[in-house]
Amino acid sequence: MAQRIQFARTGGPEVLELVDVTPAEPAAGEVRVRNQAVGLNFIDIYFRTGLYPAPGLPSGLGTEGAGVVEAVGEGVTHLAVGDRVAYAQGPLGAYAEQHVLPADKVVALPEAIDVETAAAGMLKGLTVQYLLRQTYPLKGGETILWHAAAGGVGSIACQWAKALGVRLIGTVSSPEKAALATQNGAWATIDYTREDVVERVRELTDGAMCDVVYDSVGKDTWETSLDCLKKRGLMVSFGNASGAVEGVNIGILNQKGALYVTRPSLNGYADTRERLEAMAGELFAMLEGGQVTIDISNRYPLAEAGDAQAALAARRTTGSTILLP
């Protein structure tokens, strides 16, 4: 038997329950991973609340983890029992001691990277990789705005942007988070609780505004984000922390300067094993080279997943949070 977190109805953290299950055997093209650490992400809350519908109920939760391959299904050749691995995609169910998922969604983990770093950094790090290197291939010298710059994804983005020679302006909600973003390499920070974001961007850029805005907050920051862009700038909406962006008149993009907008996702970029491995390879190189480090500021036992999600939703956390089976 093994334990996992599941939910039989959508709602608050209280709907999460720890249950005993019989580990499934991997089918053809699948592997079973014994998790040693599990990543916690905002998308997990979206599934728990029903913003994103789970395939069925009761449902497991979580898509990110790291550990050791315990069993392989027929036809799997790039992984073997005993391999250290990490993953950030696949079916819900990573909040568990064991998880079965497609082998093409699992990558081998270099010896230099520990499992906690991998579990805390895979989804967030791959997200930053596609945002900074593919959605808009930053070359260096650009000025960008990143909302929630002290969060798990933001902390990685600040470091990666600095390594690329990009000026990242990060929004934060406190002096402590501003200090953290600056420590991670943000070029400038804006405390949105006390400062007008658009006016501060205008001041910081001498009126030039930003080439790209990266917004994981959603409806609360949509208009502000558009107003921080230069003409023909790119608005990247990649999350819904405050709720989904809805009812948008596309004509506003023209009115605010012939702007571009995109709504990307990790699955839209890491859609083949080859692309996933290339993206993970670049992330691992950044980690091994020290240009990016993962701040694991919160560790919770698997049984306390609800408490961990509550802390994340209330923005009481910085950096990354992991669950330990």
C-alpha atoms as a PDB file:
ATOM      1  CA  MET A   1       0.000   0.000   0.000  1.00  0.00           C
ATOM      2  CA  ALA A   2       0.993   3.618  -0.488  1.00  0.00           C
ATOM      3  CA  GLN A   3      -0.473   6.944   0.509  1.00  0.00           C
ATOM      4  CA  ARG A   4      -1.719   9.765  -1.646  1.00  0.00           C
ATOM      5  CA  ILE A   5      -3.677  12.993  -1.327  1.00  0.00           C
ATOM      6  CA  GLN A   6      -6.997  13.060  -3.170  1.00  0.00           C
ATOM      7  CA  PHE A   7     -10.217  15.063  -3.276  1.00  0.00           C
ATOM      8  CA  ALA A   8     -13.745  13.790  -3.917  1.00  0.00           C
ATOM      9  CA  ARG A   9     -15.322  17.263  -4.285  1.00  0.00           C
ATOM     10  CA  THR A  10     -14.033  20.695  -5.147  1.00  0.00           C
ATOM     11  CA  GLY A  11     -13.631  23.383  -2.522  1.00  0.00           C
ATOM     12  CA  GLY A  12     -11.204  24.699   0.069  1.00  0.00           C
ATOM     13  CA  PRO A  13      -8.125  22.977   1.498  1.00  0.00           C
ATOM     14  CA  GLU A  14     -10.391  20.916   3.757  1.00  0.00           C
ATOM     15  CA  VAL A  15     -11.493  18.742   0.795  1.00  0.00           C
ATOM     16  CA  LEU A  16      -8.010  17.209   0.570  1.00  0.00           C
ATOM     17  CA  GLU A  17      -7.694  13.833   2.276  1.00  0.00           C
ATOM     18  CA  LEU A  18      -4.835  11.392   2.806  1.00  0.00           C
ATOM     19  CA  VAL A  19      -5.801   7.866   1.725  1.00  0.00           C
ATOM     20  CA  ASP A  20      -4.184   4.459   1.288  1.00  0.00           C
ATOM     21  CA  VAL A  21      -4.058   3.104  -2.269  1.00  0.00           C
ATOM     22  CA  THR A  22      -2.596   0.100  -4.046  1.00  0.00           C
ATOM     23  CA  PRO A  23       0.155   1.298  -6.413  1.00  0.00           C
ATOM     24  CA  ALA A  24      -0.715   0.684 -10.048  1.00  0.00           C
ATOM     25  CA  GLU A  25       1.586  -1.216 -12.374  1.00  0.00           C
ATOM     26  CA  PRO A  26       2.887   0.887 -15.258  1.00  0.00           C
ATOM     27  CA  ALA A  27       1.299   0.132 -18.626  1.00  0.00           C
ATOM     28  CA  ALA A  28       3.193   0.219 -21.912  1.00  0.00           C
ATOM     29  CA  GLY A  29       5.065   3.498 -22.236  1.00  0.00           C
ATOM     30  CA  GLU A  30       4.703   4.339 -18.528  1.00  0.00           C
ATOM     31  CA  VAL A  31       6.924   4.354 -15.445  1.00  0.00           C
ATOM     32  CA  ARG A  32       6.193   4.296 -11.735  1.00  0.00           C
ATOM     33  CA  VAL A  33       8.206   6.772  -9.692  1.00  0.00           C
ATOM     34  CA  ARG A  34       8.712   6.543  -5.923  1.00  0.00           C
ATOM     35  CA  ASN A  35       8.536  10.211  -5.017  1.00  0.00           C
ATOM     36  CA  GLN A  36      11.149  11.582  -2.646  1.00  0.00           C
ATOM     37  CA  ALA A  37       9.887  15.164  -2.939  1.00  0.00           C
ATOM     38  CA  VAL A  38       6.799  16.745  -4.530  1.00  0.00           C
ATOM     39  CA  GLY A  39       6.384  20.261  -5.886  1.00  0.00           C
ATOM     40  CA  LEU A  40       3.528  22.576  -4.864  1.00  0.00           C
ATOM     41  CA  ASN A  41       2.128  24.978  -7.466  1.00  0.00           C
ATOM     42  CA  PHE A  42      -0.773  27.374  -7.944  1.00  0.00           C
ATOM     43  CA  ILE A  43      -2.224  25.160 -10.656  1.00  0.00           C
ATOM     44  CA  ASP A  44      -2.867  22.541  -7.948  1.00  0.00           C
ATOM     45  CA  ILE A  45      -5.219  25.001  -6.257  1.00  0.00           C
ATOM     46  CA  TYR A  46      -6.998  25.640  -9.572  1.00  0.00           C
ATOM     47  CA  PHE A  47      -7.818  21.916  -9.808  1.00  0.00           C
ATOM     48  CA  ARG A  48      -8.845  21.661  -6.141  1.00  0.00           C
ATOM     49  CA  THR A  49     -11.269  24.600  -6.442  1.00  0.00           C
ATOM     50  CA  GLY A  50     -12.663  23.484  -9.805  1.00  0.00           C
ATOM     51  CA  LEU A  51     -11.325  26.428 -11.847  1.00  0.00           C
ATOM     52  CA  TYR A  52      -9.622  23.721 -13.885  1.00  0.00           C
ATOM     53  CA  PRO A  53     -11.809  20.584 -14.009  1.00  0.00           C
ATOM     54  CA  ALA A  54     -10.205  17.316 -12.915  1.00  0.00           C
ATOM     55  CA  PRO A  55     -10.765  14.389 -15.320  1.00  0.00           C
ATOM     56  CA  GLY A  56     -12.904  12.677 -12.675  1.00  0.00           C
ATOM     57  CA  LEU A  57     -13.562  12.471  -8.954  1.00  0.00           C
ATOM     58  CA  PRO A  58     -12.120  11.349  -6.646  1.00  0.00           C
ATOM     59  CA  SER A  59      -8.920  12.712  -8.127  1.00  0.00           C
ATOM     60  CA  GLY A  60      -5.264  12.834  -7.208  1.00  0.00           C
ATOM     61  CA  LEU A  61      -3.497  16.168  -7.267  1.00  0.00           C
ATOM     62  CA  GLY A  62      -0.178  17.611  -8.349  1.00  0.00           C
ATOM     63  CA  THR A  63       1.945  17.252 -11.475  1.00  0.00           C
ATOM     64  CA  GLU A  64       5.521  17.750 -10.241  1.00  0.00           C
ATOM     65  CA  GLY A  65       7.923  15.554  -8.349  1.00  0.00           C
ATOM     66  CA  ALA A  66      11.293  13.857  -8.197  1.00  0.00           C
ATOM     67  CA  GLY A  67      12.490  10.489  -7.020  1.00  0.00           C
ATOM     68  CA  VAL A  68      13.541   7.076  -8.290  1.00  0.00           C
ATOM     69  CA  VAL A  69      12.074   4.884 -11.025  1.00  0.00           C
ATOM     70  CA  GLU A  70      10.517   1.859  -9.343  1.00  0.00           C
ATOM     71  CA  ALA A  71       8.989   0.043 -12.331  1.00  0.00           C
ATOM     72  CA  VAL A  72       8.921   0.485 -16.115  1.00  0.00           C
ATOM     73  CA  GLY A  73       6.283  -0.508 -18.608  1.00  0.00           C
ATOM     74  CA  GLU A  74       6.755  -2.253 -21.930  1.00  0.00           C
ATOM     75  CA  GLY A  75       8.598  -0.256 -24.569  1.00  0.00           C
ATOM     76  CA  VAL A  76      10.334   2.187 -22.230  1.00  0.00           C
ATOM     77  CA  THR A  77      13.996   2.336 -23.216  1.00  0.00           C
ATOM     78  CA  HIS A  78      15.309   5.719 -22.038  1.00  0.00           C
ATOM     79  CA  LEU A  79      14.665   5.030 -18.343  1.00  0.00           C
ATOM     80  CA  ALA A  80      15.431   2.058 -16.097  1.00  0.00           C
ATOM     81  CA  VAL A  81      14.598   0.927 -12.581  1.00  0.00           C
ATOM     82  CA  GLY A  82      16.776   2.818 -10.122  1.00  0.00           C
ATOM     83  CA  ASP A  83      17.201   5.948 -12.274  1.00  0.00           C
ATOM     84  CA  ARG A  84      16.948   9.299 -10.501  1.00  0.00           C
ATOM     85  CA  VAL A  85      14.254  11.293 -12.309  1.00  0.00           C
ATOM     86  CA  ALA A  86      12.085  14.395 -12.224  1.00  0.00           C
ATOM     87  CA  TYR A  87       8.849  15.416 -13.903  1.00  0.00           C
ATOM     88  CA  ALA A  88       6.495  18.390 -14.123  1.00  0.00           C
ATOM     89  CA  GLN A  89       3.699  17.158 -16.401  1.00  0.00           C
ATOM     90  CA  GLY A  90       1.395  14.225 -16.736  1.00  0.00           C
ATOM     91  CA  PRO A  91      -1.755  13.012 -15.019  1.00  0.00           C
ATOM     92  CA  LEU A  92      -2.769  14.436 -11.650  1.00  0.00           C
ATOM     93  CA  GLY A  93      -1.437  12.417  -8.748  1.00  0.00           C
ATOM     94  CA  ALA A  94       2.043  13.646  -7.792  1.00  0.00           C
ATOM     95  CA  TYR A  95       0.874  14.313  -4.208  1.00  0.00           C
ATOM     96  CA  ALA A  96       1.664  10.700  -3.399  1.00  0.00           C
ATOM     97  CA  GLU A  97       4.354   8.277  -2.321  1.00  0.00           C
ATOM     98  CA  GLN A  98       4.219   6.657  -5.772  1.00  0.00           C
ATOM     99  CA  HIS A  99       3.070   8.012  -9.108  1.00  0.00           C
ATOM    100  CA  VAL A 100       2.529   6.320 -12.485  1.00  0.00           C
ATOM    101  CA  LEU A 101       2.895   8.559 -15.531  1.00  0.00           C
ATOM    102  CA  PRO A 102       3.975   8.483 -19.199  1.00  0.00           C
ATOM    103  CA  ALA A 103       7.704   7.887 -19.513  1.00  0.00           C
ATOM    104  CA  ASP A 104       7.926  10.653 -22.134  1.00  0.00           C
ATOM    105  CA  LYS A 105       7.040  13.174 -19.391  1.00  0.00           C
ATOM    106  CA  VAL A 106       9.932  12.035 -17.169  1.00  0.00           C
ATOM    107  CA  VAL A 107      13.555  13.149 -17.505  1.00  0.00           C
ATOM    108  CA  ALA A 108      16.731  11.746 -15.992  1.00  0.00           C
ATOM    109  CA  LEU A 109      18.105  13.877 -13.178  1.00  0.00           C
ATOM    110  CA  PRO A 110      21.809  14.767 -13.204  1.00  0.00           C
ATOM    111  CA  GLU A 111      23.723  13.627 -10.120  1.00  0.00           C
ATOM    112  CA  ALA A 112      24.639  17.235  -9.300  1.00  0.00           C
ATOM    113  CA  ILE A 113      20.971  18.150  -8.702  1.00  0.00           C
ATOM    114  CA  ASP A 114      19.251  16.844  -5.565  1.00  0.00           C
ATOM    115  CA  VAL A 115      15.647  15.640  -5.559  1.00  0.00           C
ATOM    116  CA  GLU A 116      14.321  18.497  -3.421  1.00  0.00           C
ATOM    117  CA  THR A 117      15.741  21.080  -5.828  1.00  0.00           C
ATOM    118  CA  ALA A 118      14.275  19.172  -8.765  1.00  0.00           C
ATOM    119  CA  ALA A 119      10.818  18.845  -7.190  1.00  0.00           C
ATOM    120  CA  ALA A 120      10.780  22.518  -6.253  1.00  0.00           C
ATOM    121  CA  GLY A 121      12.195  23.757  -9.538  1.00  0.00           C
ATOM    122  CA  MET A 122      11.041  21.596 -12.439  1.00  0.00           C
ATOM    123  CA  LEU A 123       7.649  23.120 -13.226  1.00  0.00           C
ATOM    124  CA  LYS A 124       8.666  26.641 -12.241  1.00  0.00           C
ATOM    125  CA  GLY A 125      12.041  26.405 -13.971  1.00  0.00           C
ATOM    126  CA  LEU A 126      10.609  24.960 -17.189  1.00  0.00           C
ATOM    127  CA  THR A 127       7.969  27.696 -17.081  1.00  0.00           C
ATOM    128  CA  VAL A 128      10.653  30.369 -16.911  1.00  0.00           C
ATOM    129  CA  GLN A 129      12.577  28.615 -19.695  1.00  0.00           C
ATOM    130  CA  TYR A 130       9.709  28.754 -22.170  1.00  0.00           C
ATOM    131  CA  LEU A 131       8.668  32.273 -21.125  1.00  0.00           C
ATOM    132  CA  LEU A 132      12.107  33.881 -21.387  1.00  0.00           C
ATOM    133  CA  ARG A 133      13.634  31.703 -24.106  1.00  0.00           C
ATOM    134  CA  GLN A 134      10.714  30.781 -26.365  1.00  0.00           C
ATOM    135  CA  THR A 135       7.505  32.806 -25.868  1.00  0.00           C
ATOM    136  CA  TYR A 136       9.695  35.901 -26.333  1.00  0.00           C
ATOM    137  CA  PRO A 137      13.317  34.914 -27.040  1.00  0.00           C
ATOM    138  CA  LEU A 138      15.111  37.478 -24.887  1.00  0.00           C
ATOM    139  CA  LYS A 139      18.550  38.412 -26.215  1.00  0.00           C
ATOM    140  CA  GLY A 140      19.697  40.834 -23.502  1.00  0.00           C
ATOM    141  CA  GLY A 141      19.096  44.551 -23.114  1.00  0.00           C
ATOM    142  CA  GLU A 142      15.298  44.322 -22.998  1.00  0.00           C
ATOM    143  CA  THR A 143      13.190  45.742 -20.164  1.00  0.00           C
ATOM    144  CA  ILE A 144      10.440  43.464 -18.882  1.00  0.00           C
ATOM    145  CA  LEU A 145       7.835  43.595 -16.108  1.00  0.00           C
ATOM    146  CA  TRP A 146       7.272  40.497 -13.990  1.00  0.00           C
ATOM    147  CA  HIS A 147       4.351  40.332 -11.561  1.00  0.00           C
ATOM    148  CA  ALA A 148       4.858  38.474  -8.253  1.00  0.00           C
ATOM    149  CA  ALA A 149       8.625  38.633  -8.563  1.00  0.00           C
ATOM    150  CA  ALA A 150       9.273  37.137  -5.116  1.00  0.00           C
ATOM    151  CA  GLY A 151       7.201  34.002  -5.701  1.00  0.00           C
ATOM    152  CA  GLY A 152       8.481  30.607  -6.772  1.00  0.00           C
ATOM    153  CA  VAL A 153       8.435  31.309 -10.525  1.00  0.00           C
ATOM    154  CA  GLY A 154       9.389  34.948 -10.061  1.00  0.00           C
ATOM    155  CA  SER A 155      12.449  34.108  -7.985  1.00  0.00           C
ATOM    156  CA  ILE A 156      13.775  31.939 -10.802  1.00  0.00           C
ATOM    157  CA  ALA A 157      12.837  34.521 -13.439  1.00  0.00           C
ATOM    158  CA  CYS A 158      14.783  37.271 -11.650  1.00  0.00           C
ATOM    159  CA  GLN A 159      17.928  35.140 -11.681  1.00  0.00           C
ATOM    160  CA  TRP A 160      17.541  33.913 -15.260  1.00  0.00           C
ATOM    161  CA  ALA A 161      16.771  37.409 -16.586  1.00  0.00           C
ATOM    162  CA  LYS A 162      19.884  38.795 -14.916  1.00  0.00           C
ATOM    163  CA  ALA A 163      21.981  36.009 -16.444  1.00  0.00           C
ATOM    164  CA  LEU A 164      20.601  36.992 -19.870  1.00  0.00           C
ATOM    165  CA  GLY A 165      21.383  40.683 -19.342  1.00  0.00           C
ATOM    166  CA  VAL A 166      17.696  41.630 -19.179  1.00  0.00           C
ATOM    167  CA  ARG A 167      16.337  44.428 -16.969  1.00  0.00           C
ATOM    168  CA  LEU A 168      13.522  42.820 -14.952  1.00  0.00           C
ATOM    169  CA  ILE A 169      11.162  45.104 -13.056  1.00  0.00           C
ATOM    170  CA  GLY A 170       9.359  43.015 -10.443  1.00  0.00           C
ATOM    171  CA  THR A 171       6.117  43.794  -8.645  1.00  0.00           C
ATOM    172  CA  VAL A 172       5.967  42.799  -4.960  1.00  0.00           C
ATOM    173  CA  SER A 173       3.692  43.337  -1.959  1.00  0.00           C
ATOM    174  CA  SER A 174       6.160  44.188   0.822  1.00  0.00           C
ATOM    175  CA  PRO A 175       9.642  45.582   1.485  1.00  0.00           C
ATOM    176  CA  GLU A 176      10.778  42.077   2.450  1.00  0.00           C
ATOM    177  CA  LYS A 177       9.667  40.662  -0.902  1.00  0.00           C
ATOM    178  CA  ALA A 178      11.277  43.614  -2.688  1.00  0.00           C
ATOM    179  CA  ALA A 179      14.563  42.795  -0.982  1.00  0.00           C
ATOM    180  CA  LEU A 180      14.262  39.147  -1.999  1.00  0.00           C
ATOM    181  CA  ALA A 181      13.553  40.003  -5.645  1.00  0.00           C
ATOM    182  CA  THR A 182      16.495  42.394  -5.696  1.00  0.00           C
ATOM    183  CA  GLN A 183      18.739  39.757  -4.135  1.00  0.00           C
ATOM    184  CA  ASN A 184      17.674  37.371  -6.909  1.00  0.00           C
ATOM    185  CA  GLY A 185      18.664  39.840  -9.617  1.00  0.00           C
ATOM    186  CA  ALA A 186      15.662  42.090 -10.285  1.00  0.00           C
ATOM    187  CA  TRP A 187      16.808  45.362 -11.871  1.00  0.00           C
ATOM    188  CA  ALA A 188      14.094  47.264  -9.989  1.00  0.00           C
ATOM    189  CA  THR A 189      11.036  46.508  -7.863  1.00  0.00           C
ATOM    190  CA  ILE A 190       7.625  48.118  -7.415  1.00  0.00           C
ATOM    191  CA  ASP A 191       5.542  47.649  -4.245  1.00  0.00           C
ATOM    192  CA  TYR A 192       2.053  47.589  -5.741  1.00  0.00           C
ATOM    193  CA  THR A 193       0.468  48.102  -2.323  1.00  0.00           C
ATOM    194  CA  ARG A 194       2.064  51.548  -2.055  1.00  0.00           C
ATOM    195  CA  GLU A 195       3.069  52.590  -5.560  1.00  0.00           C
ATOM    196  CA  ASP A 196       1.297  53.110  -8.883  1.00  0.00           C
ATOM    197  CA  VAL A 197       2.748  50.376 -11.062  1.00  0.00           C
ATOM    198  CA  VAL A 198       2.238  52.132 -14.408  1.00  0.00           C
ATOM    199  CA  GLU A 199       3.692  55.428 -13.188  1.00  0.00           C
ATOM    200  CA  ARG A 200       6.712  53.725 -11.643  1.00  0.00           C
ATOM    201  CA  VAL A 201       7.365  51.776 -14.851  1.00  0.00           C
ATOM    202  CA  ARG A 202       7.186  55.063 -16.757  1.00  0.00           C
ATOM    203  CA  GLU A 203       9.680  56.649 -14.365  1.00  0.00           C
ATOM    204  CA  LEU A 204      12.052  53.689 -14.341  1.00  0.00           C
ATOM    205  CA  THR A 205      12.123  53.448 -18.152  1.00  0.00           C
ATOM    206  CA  ASP A 206      12.158  57.215 -18.872  1.00  0.00           C
ATOM    207  CA  GLY A 207       8.830  56.766 -20.635  1.00  0.00           C
ATOM    208  CA  ALA A 208       9.966  53.919 -22.898  1.00  0.00           C
ATOM    209  CA  MET A 209       7.882  51.287 -21.029  1.00  0.00           C
ATOM    210  CA  CYS A 210       8.396  47.512 -21.336  1.00  0.00           C
ATOM    211  CA  ASP A 211       9.079  45.153 -24.209  1.00  0.00           C
ATOM    212  CA  VAL A 212       7.220  42.320 -22.456  1.00  0.00           C
ATOM    213  CA  VAL A 213       4.961  41.952 -19.410  1.00  0.00           C
ATOM    214  CA  TYR A 214       4.730  38.541 -17.751  1.00  0.00           C
ATOM    215  CA  ASP A 215       1.498  38.274 -15.765  1.00  0.00           C
ATOM    216  CA  SER A 216       0.476  35.247 -13.685  1.00  0.00           C
ATOM    217  CA  VAL A 217      -1.977  37.238 -11.541  1.00  0.00           C
ATOM    218  CA  GLY A 218      -4.821  37.467 -14.053  1.00  0.00           C
ATOM    219  CA  LYS A 219      -7.884  39.694 -13.926  1.00  0.00           C
ATOM    220  CA  ASP A 220      -6.669  42.085 -11.207  1.00  0.00           C
ATOM    221  CA  THR A 221      -3.601  43.174 -13.187  1.00  0.00           C
ATOM    222  CA  TRP A 222      -4.755  42.811 -16.814  1.00  0.00           C
ATOM    223  CA  GLU A 223      -5.315  46.521 -17.549  1.00  0.00           C
ATOM    224  CA  THR A 224      -2.253  47.592 -15.570  1.00  0.00           C
ATOM    225  CA  SER A 225      -0.101  45.150 -17.499  1.00  0.00           C
ATOM    226  CA  LEU A 226      -1.293  46.446 -20.863  1.00  0.00           C
ATOM    227  CA  ASP A 227      -0.546  50.013 -19.796  1.00  0.00           C
ATOM    228  CA  CYS A 228       3.054  49.083 -18.941  1.00  0.00           C
ATOM    229  CA  LEU A 229       3.861  47.974 -22.503  1.00  0.00           C
ATOM    230  CA  LYS A 230       5.528  49.999 -25.209  1.00  0.00           C
ATOM    231  CA  LYS A 231       3.888  50.097 -28.636  1.00  0.00           C
ATOM    232  CA  ARG A 232       3.759  46.667 -30.228  1.00  0.00           C
ATOM    233  CA  GLY A 233       4.864  45.122 -26.931  1.00  0.00           C
ATOM    234  CA  LEU A 234       3.931  41.600 -25.877  1.00  0.00           C
ATOM    235  CA  MET A 235       1.535  40.783 -23.052  1.00  0.00           C
ATOM    236  CA  VAL A 236       2.170  37.259 -21.716  1.00  0.00           C
ATOM    237  CA  SER A 237      -0.713  36.074 -19.520  1.00  0.00           C
ATOM    238  CA  PHE A 238       0.299  32.748 -17.988  1.00  0.00           C
ATOM    239  CA  GLY A 239      -1.726  32.406 -14.773  1.00  0.00           C
ATOM    240  CA  ASN A 240      -4.908  33.241 -12.873  1.00  0.00           C
ATOM    241  CA  ALA A 241      -3.902  33.836  -9.257  1.00  0.00           C
ATOM    242  CA  SER A 242      -6.602  36.527  -8.880  1.00  0.00           C
ATOM    243  CA  GLY A 243      -9.067  34.899 -11.292  1.00  0.00           C
ATOM    244  CA  ALA A 244      -9.259  34.360 -15.029  1.00  0.00           C
ATOM    245  CA  VAL A 245      -9.135  37.228 -17.519  1.00  0.00           C
ATOM    246  CA  GLU A 246     -12.606  37.314 -19.108  1.00  0.00           C
ATOM    247  CA  GLY A 247     -14.774  39.533 -21.289  1.00  0.00           C
ATOM    248  CA  VAL A 248     -11.863  41.220 -23.034  1.00  0.00           C
ATOM    249  CA  ASN A 249     -12.568  43.486 -26.002  1.00  0.00           C
ATOM    250  CA  ILE A 250      -9.719  42.634 -28.353  1.00  0.00           C
ATOM    251  CA  GLY A 251      -9.869  46.159 -29.744  1.00  0.00           C
ATOM    252  CA  ILE A 252      -8.186  47.392 -26.562  1.00  0.00           C
ATOM    253  CA  LEU A 253      -4.934  45.946 -27.889  1.00  0.00           C
ATOM    254  CA  ASN A 254      -5.094  48.381 -30.796  1.00  0.00           C
ATOM    255  CA  GLN A 255      -6.095  51.318 -28.594  1.00  0.00           C
ATOM    256  CA  LYS A 256      -3.121  50.775 -26.282  1.00  0.00           C
ATOM    257  CA  GLY A 257      -0.518  50.559 -29.042  1.00  0.00           C
ATOM    258  CA  ALA A 258      -1.061  47.655 -31.462  1.00  0.00           C
ATOM    259  CA  LEU A 259      -0.110  45.217 -28.693  1.00  0.00           C
ATOM    260  CA  TYR A 260       0.411  41.483 -28.934  1.00  0.00           C
ATOM    261  CA  VAL A 261      -1.003  39.039 -26.382  1.00  0.00           C
ATOM    262  CA  THR A 262      -0.438  35.335 -25.777  1.00  0.00           C
ATOM    263  CA  ARG A 263      -1.676  32.773 -23.253  1.00  0.00           C
ATOM    264  CA  PRO A 264       1.001  30.059 -23.191  1.00  0.00           C
ATOM    265  CA  SER A 265       1.383  26.956 -21.023  1.00  0.00           C
ATOM    266  CA  LEU A 266       4.090  24.426 -20.288  1.00  0.00           C
ATOM    267  CA  ASN A 267       2.173  21.694 -22.108  1.00  0.00           C
ATOM    268  CA  GLY A 268       2.045  23.912 -25.190  1.00  0.00           C
ATOM    269  CA  TYR A 269       5.843  24.063 -25.341  1.00  0.00           C
ATOM    270  CA  ALA A 270       7.049  20.786 -23.785  1.00  0.00           C
ATOM    271  CA  ASP A 271       4.724  18.834 -26.055  1.00  0.00           C
ATOM    272  CA  THR A 272       7.218  16.182 -27.184  1.00  0.00           C
ATOM    273  CA  ARG A 273       9.867  14.214 -25.333  1.00  0.00           C
ATOM    274  CA  GLU A 274      12.561  15.879 -27.450  1.00  0.00           C
ATOM    275  CA  ARG A 275      11.411  19.414 -26.622  1.00  0.00           C
ATOM    276  CA  LEU A 276      10.958  18.550 -22.937  1.00  0.00           C
ATOM    277  CA  GLU A 277      14.471  17.127 -22.703  1.00  0.00           C
ATOM    278  CA  ALA A 278      15.950  20.166 -24.484  1.00  0.00           C
ATOM    279  CA  MET A 279      14.141  22.540 -22.109  1.00  0.00           C
ATOM    280  CA  ALA A 280      15.108  20.499 -19.042  1.00  0.00           C
ATOM    281  CA  GLY A 281      18.693  20.362 -20.285  1.00  0.00           C
ATOM    282  CA  GLU A 282      18.867  24.151 -20.387  1.00  0.00           C
ATOM    283  CA  LEU A 283      17.302  24.410 -16.921  1.00  0.00           C
ATOM    284  CA  PHE A 284      19.690  21.833 -15.475  1.00  0.00           C
ATOM    285  CA  ALA A 285      22.647  23.695 -17.011  1.00  0.00           C
ATOM    286  CA  MET A 286      21.516  26.914 -15.319  1.00  0.00           C
ATOM    287  CA  LEU A 287      21.213  25.079 -11.993  1.00  0.00           C
ATOM    288  CA  GLU A 288      24.535  23.276 -12.319  1.00  0.00           C
ATOM    289  CA  GLY A 289      26.284  26.487 -13.382  1.00  0.00           C
ATOM    290  CA  GLY A 290      24.912  28.408 -10.416  1.00  0.00           C
ATOM    291  CA  GLN A 291      23.139  31.087 -12.476  1.00  0.00           C
ATOM    292  CA  VAL A 292      19.855  29.874 -10.965  1.00  0.00           C
ATOM    293  CA  THR A 293      19.330  28.508  -7.461  1.00  0.00           C
ATOM    294  CA  ILE A 294      16.031  27.254  -6.058  1.00  0.00           C
ATOM    295  CA  ASP A 295      14.937  28.771  -2.767  1.00  0.00           C
ATOM    296  CA  ILE A 296      13.009  26.105  -0.852  1.00  0.00           C
ATOM    297  CA  SER A 297      11.569  28.154   1.952  1.00  0.00           C
ATOM    298  CA  ASN A 298       8.761  25.812   2.987  1.00  0.00           C
ATOM    299  CA  ARG A 299       8.653  22.050   3.538  1.00  0.00           C
ATOM    300  CA  TYR A 300       5.478  20.235   4.606  1.00  0.00           C
ATOM    301  CA  PRO A 301       4.700  16.558   5.234  1.00  0.00           C
ATOM    302  CA  LEU A 302       2.465  15.099   2.528  1.00  0.00           C
ATOM    303  CA  ALA A 303      -0.402  14.882   5.042  1.00  0.00           C
ATOM    304  CA  GLU A 304      -0.338  18.681   5.472  1.00  0.00           C
ATOM    305  CA  ALA A 305      -0.875  19.483   1.791  1.00  0.00           C
ATOM    306  CA  GLY A 306      -3.997  21.516   2.633  1.00  0.00           C
ATOM    307  CA  ASP A 307      -2.064  23.767   5.002  1.00  0.00           C
ATOM    308  CA  ALA A 308       0.647  24.217   2.384  1.00  0.00           C
ATOM    309  CA  GLN A 309      -1.900  25.250  -0.251  1.00  0.00           C
ATOM    310  CA  ALA A 310      -3.578  27.675   2.152  1.00  0.00           C
ATOM    311  CA  ALA A 311      -0.247  29.389   2.823  1.00  0.00           C
ATOM    312  CA  LEU A 312       0.460  29.641  -0.917  1.00  0.00           C
ATOM    313  CA  ALA A 313      -2.998  31.035  -1.732  1.00  0.00           C
ATOM    314  CA  ALA A 314      -2.711  33.640   1.031  1.00  0.00           C
ATOM    315  CA  ARG A 315       0.655  34.752  -0.397  1.00  0.00           C
ATOM    316  CA  ARG A 316       2.355  33.985   2.894  1.00  0.00           C
ATOM    317  CA  THR A 317       5.153  32.182   1.101  1.00  0.00           C
ATOM    318  CA  THR A 318       8.234  33.209  -0.856  1.00  0.00           C
ATOM    319  CA  GLY A 319      10.299  30.986  -3.081  1.00  0.00           C
ATOM    320  CA  SER A 320       9.213  27.380  -3.472  1.00  0.00           C
ATOM    321  CA  THR A 321       7.259  24.939  -1.305  1.00  0.00           C
ATOM    322  CA  ILE A 322       7.644  21.182  -1.376  1.00  0.00           C
ATOM    323  CA  LEU A 323       5.798  18.233   0.142  1.00  0.00           C
ATOM    324  CA  LEU A 324       7.757  15.321   1.594  1.00  0.00           C
ATOM    325  CA  PRO A 325       6.082  11.867   1.286  1.00  0.00           C
END
